[in-house]
Amino acid sequence: MRYFVQHPSAVDSLEGIAQWRLLRQRVRDVVDETDAALQILVDRGVIDRVAVTGGPALFRLKPEKEDEARRLAGDRS
């Protein structure tokens, strides 16, 4: 209903509506999963969370943790 209220001229089929609803839910799920994974990596000291004034936090690999990050990622190179 929110979608139709926000987009009163929208017209779509049952399948189309189901697809955008599923996509929206999947994006929310992936954002939640990624947030949890990033928090674990920050807690383990592998990546840094960088606060940005007026914007979302940024994340970066700590250079001294590159070997550990490769192991965690299963990278054998």
N, C-alpha and C. Protein backbone atom coordinates (compact mmCIF):
# COMPACT_ATOMS: atom_id res chain seq x y z
N MET A 1 0.83 -1.19 0.00
CA MET A 1 0.00 0.00 0.00
C MET A 1 0.87 1.26 0.00
N ARG A 2 1.97 1.23 0.79
CA ARG A 2 2.85 2.40 0.83
C ARG A 2 3.36 2.78 -0.56
N TYR A 3 3.71 1.76 -1.36
CA TYR A 3 4.21 2.04 -2.69
C TYR A 3 3.15 2.78 -3.51
N PHE A 4 1.92 2.31 -3.46
CA PHE A 4 0.86 2.96 -4.24
C PHE A 4 0.54 4.36 -3.72
N VAL A 5 0.64 4.56 -2.42
CA VAL A 5 0.41 5.89 -1.86
C VAL A 5 1.53 6.84 -2.32
N GLN A 6 2.77 6.35 -2.32
CA GLN A 6 3.90 7.17 -2.73
C GLN A 6 3.96 7.36 -4.25
N HIS A 7 3.40 6.40 -4.98
CA HIS A 7 3.40 6.43 -6.45
C HIS A 7 1.97 6.20 -6.95
N PRO A 8 1.09 7.18 -6.79
CA PRO A 8 -0.33 6.98 -7.09
C PRO A 8 -0.63 6.63 -8.54
N SER A 9 0.28 6.91 -9.45
CA SER A 9 0.02 6.57 -10.85
C SER A 9 0.62 5.22 -11.24
N ALA A 10 1.20 4.50 -10.29
CA ALA A 10 1.83 3.21 -10.59
C ALA A 10 0.78 2.19 -11.03
N VAL A 11 1.17 1.39 -12.02
CA VAL A 11 0.33 0.30 -12.51
C VAL A 11 1.25 -0.89 -12.72
N ASP A 12 0.91 -2.04 -12.18
CA ASP A 12 1.76 -3.22 -12.33
C ASP A 12 0.92 -4.47 -12.18
N SER A 13 1.48 -5.58 -12.63
CA SER A 13 0.82 -6.89 -12.52
C SER A 13 1.12 -7.51 -11.16
N LEU A 14 0.43 -8.57 -10.86
CA LEU A 14 0.70 -9.33 -9.63
C LEU A 14 2.16 -9.74 -9.58
N GLU A 15 2.67 -10.29 -10.69
CA GLU A 15 4.06 -10.74 -10.72
C GLU A 15 5.03 -9.56 -10.56
N GLY A 16 4.72 -8.45 -11.21
CA GLY A 16 5.58 -7.27 -11.09
C GLY A 16 5.63 -6.75 -9.67
N ILE A 17 4.48 -6.67 -9.04
CA ILE A 17 4.42 -6.20 -7.64
C ILE A 17 5.18 -7.16 -6.74
N ALA A 18 4.97 -8.45 -6.94
CA ALA A 18 5.68 -9.44 -6.11
C ALA A 18 7.18 -9.32 -6.30
N GLN A 19 7.63 -9.09 -7.54
CA GLN A 19 9.07 -8.98 -7.80
C GLN A 19 9.68 -7.78 -7.11
N TRP A 20 9.04 -6.60 -7.21
CA TRP A 20 9.68 -5.45 -6.55
C TRP A 20 9.60 -5.57 -5.05
N ARG A 21 8.54 -6.22 -4.53
CA ARG A 21 8.48 -6.43 -3.08
C ARG A 21 9.58 -7.38 -2.63
N LEU A 22 9.78 -8.46 -3.38
CA LEU A 22 10.84 -9.41 -3.04
C LEU A 22 12.22 -8.76 -3.14
N LEU A 23 12.43 -7.98 -4.19
CA LEU A 23 13.70 -7.30 -4.35
C LEU A 23 13.97 -6.36 -3.19
N ARG A 24 12.97 -5.59 -2.83
CA ARG A 24 13.12 -4.66 -1.71
C ARG A 24 13.45 -5.40 -0.41
N GLN A 25 12.76 -6.51 -0.15
CA GLN A 25 13.02 -7.30 1.05
C GLN A 25 14.41 -7.91 1.00
N ARG A 26 14.81 -8.40 -0.17
CA ARG A 26 16.14 -9.02 -0.30
C ARG A 26 17.23 -7.98 -0.05
N VAL A 27 17.06 -6.78 -0.58
CA VAL A 27 18.05 -5.72 -0.34
C VAL A 27 18.15 -5.44 1.16
N ARG A 28 16.99 -5.34 1.83
CA ARG A 28 17.01 -5.11 3.28
C ARG A 28 17.75 -6.24 4.00
N ASP A 29 17.48 -7.48 3.60
CA ASP A 29 18.14 -8.62 4.23
C ASP A 29 19.65 -8.58 4.02
N VAL A 30 20.09 -8.26 2.80
CA VAL A 30 21.52 -8.21 2.50
C VAL A 30 22.19 -7.06 3.25
N VAL A 31 21.53 -5.94 3.38
CA VAL A 31 22.08 -4.82 4.16
C VAL A 31 22.25 -5.25 5.62
N ASP A 32 21.26 -5.91 6.18
CA ASP A 32 21.36 -6.38 7.56
C ASP A 32 22.49 -7.38 7.73
N GLU A 33 22.61 -8.34 6.80
CA GLU A 33 23.68 -9.34 6.86
C GLU A 33 25.05 -8.68 6.74
N THR A 34 25.17 -7.73 5.83
CA THR A 34 26.44 -7.04 5.62
C THR A 34 26.82 -6.21 6.84
N ASP A 35 25.84 -5.56 7.45
CA ASP A 35 26.08 -4.80 8.66
C ASP A 35 26.63 -5.70 9.76
N ALA A 36 26.04 -6.87 9.94
CA ALA A 36 26.50 -7.80 10.96
C ALA A 36 27.92 -8.29 10.65
N ALA A 37 28.20 -8.60 9.40
CA ALA A 37 29.53 -9.07 9.02
C ALA A 37 30.58 -7.98 9.22
N LEU A 38 30.24 -6.76 8.82
CA LEU A 38 31.18 -5.65 9.02
C LEU A 38 31.46 -5.42 10.50
N GLN A 39 30.44 -5.53 11.33
CA GLN A 39 30.64 -5.34 12.76
C GLN A 39 31.59 -6.40 13.33
N ILE A 40 31.46 -7.63 12.87
CA ILE A 40 32.36 -8.70 13.31
C ILE A 40 33.80 -8.37 12.90
N LEU A 41 33.98 -7.92 11.66
CA LEU A 41 35.33 -7.60 11.17
C LEU A 41 35.92 -6.40 11.90
N VAL A 42 35.10 -5.43 12.23
CA VAL A 42 35.56 -4.28 13.02
C VAL A 42 35.96 -4.77 14.42
N ASP A 43 35.10 -5.59 15.03
CA ASP A 43 35.40 -6.11 16.37
C ASP A 43 36.68 -6.93 16.39
N ARG A 44 36.96 -7.65 15.30
CA ARG A 44 38.18 -8.47 15.21
C ARG A 44 39.40 -7.63 14.87
N GLY A 45 39.18 -6.36 14.54
CA GLY A 45 40.29 -5.48 14.24
C GLY A 45 40.85 -5.64 12.84
N VAL A 46 40.09 -6.27 11.95
CA VAL A 46 40.57 -6.49 10.58
C VAL A 46 40.29 -5.27 9.70
N ILE A 47 39.18 -4.63 9.93
CA ILE A 47 38.85 -3.42 9.17
C ILE A 47 38.57 -2.28 10.15
N ASP A 48 38.69 -1.08 9.62
CA ASP A 48 38.37 0.12 10.39
C ASP A 48 37.04 0.67 9.91
N ARG A 49 36.28 1.20 10.84
CA ARG A 49 35.07 1.96 10.53
C ARG A 49 35.46 3.43 10.65
N VAL A 50 35.26 4.18 9.58
CA VAL A 50 35.66 5.58 9.54
C VAL A 50 34.41 6.45 9.55
N ALA A 51 34.28 7.27 10.57
CA ALA A 51 33.14 8.19 10.65
C ALA A 51 33.34 9.31 9.64
N VAL A 52 32.27 9.66 8.96
CA VAL A 52 32.30 10.74 7.97
C VAL A 52 31.24 11.76 8.36
N THR A 53 31.65 13.00 8.54
CA THR A 53 30.71 14.04 8.90
C THR A 53 29.68 14.22 7.79
N GLY A 54 28.41 14.11 8.16
CA GLY A 54 27.34 14.32 7.20
C GLY A 54 27.13 13.18 6.23
N GLY A 55 27.73 12.03 6.47
CA GLY A 55 27.56 10.91 5.54
C GLY A 55 27.65 9.59 6.27
N PRO A 56 27.43 8.53 5.54
CA PRO A 56 27.50 7.21 6.17
C PRO A 56 28.95 6.83 6.49
N ALA A 57 29.13 5.97 7.45
CA ALA A 57 30.47 5.49 7.81
C ALA A 57 31.07 4.76 6.62
N LEU A 58 32.38 4.81 6.55
CA LEU A 58 33.12 4.08 5.52
C LEU A 58 33.93 2.99 6.20
N PHE A 59 34.26 1.96 5.45
CA PHE A 59 35.02 0.84 5.99
C PHE A 59 36.24 0.61 5.12
N ARG A 60 37.37 0.27 5.77
CA ARG A 60 38.59 -0.02 5.02
C ARG A 60 39.39 -1.10 5.73
N LEU A 61 40.10 -1.85 4.94
CA LEU A 61 40.97 -2.90 5.45
C LEU A 61 42.19 -2.26 6.09
N LYS A 62 42.54 -2.77 7.26
CA LYS A 62 43.78 -2.31 7.89
C LYS A 62 44.93 -2.95 7.13
N PRO A 63 45.87 -2.17 6.61
CA PRO A 63 46.96 -2.74 5.80
C PRO A 63 47.71 -3.86 6.51
N GLU A 64 47.92 -3.71 7.79
CA GLU A 64 48.66 -4.73 8.54
C GLU A 64 47.86 -6.01 8.74
N LYS A 65 46.58 -6.00 8.38
CA LYS A 65 45.72 -7.17 8.55
C LYS A 65 45.40 -7.86 7.21
N GLU A 66 46.12 -7.48 6.15
CA GLU A 66 45.82 -8.03 4.83
C GLU A 66 45.95 -9.56 4.80
N ASP A 67 46.99 -10.11 5.41
CA ASP A 67 47.15 -11.57 5.42
C ASP A 67 45.98 -12.25 6.14
N GLU A 68 45.60 -11.69 7.28
CA GLU A 68 44.46 -12.26 8.02
C GLU A 68 43.19 -12.15 7.19
N ALA A 69 43.01 -11.04 6.52
CA ALA A 69 41.82 -10.85 5.68
C ALA A 69 41.79 -11.89 4.56
N ARG A 70 42.93 -12.15 3.95
CA ARG A 70 43.00 -13.18 2.90
C ARG A 70 42.61 -14.55 3.45
N ARG A 71 43.09 -14.87 4.64
CA ARG A 71 42.74 -16.15 5.24
C ARG A 71 41.22 -16.22 5.51
N LEU A 72 40.67 -15.15 6.07
CA LEU A 72 39.24 -15.11 6.35
C LEU A 72 38.40 -15.23 5.09
N ALA A 73 38.90 -14.66 4.00
CA ALA A 73 38.17 -14.69 2.73
C ALA A 73 38.40 -16.01 1.97
N GLY A 74 39.30 -16.83 2.49
CA GLY A 74 39.57 -18.10 1.82
C GLY A 74 40.43 -17.94 0.59
N ASP A 75 41.14 -16.83 0.49
CA ASP A 75 41.99 -16.55 -0.65
C ASP A 75 43.30 -17.31 -0.49
N ARG A 76 43.62 -18.14 -1.45
CA ARG A 76 44.82 -18.97 -1.34
C ARG A 76 46.00 -18.41 -2.17
N SER A 77 45.83 -17.21 -2.72
CA SER A 77 46.92 -16.66 -3.55
C SER A 77 48.00 -16.01 -2.73
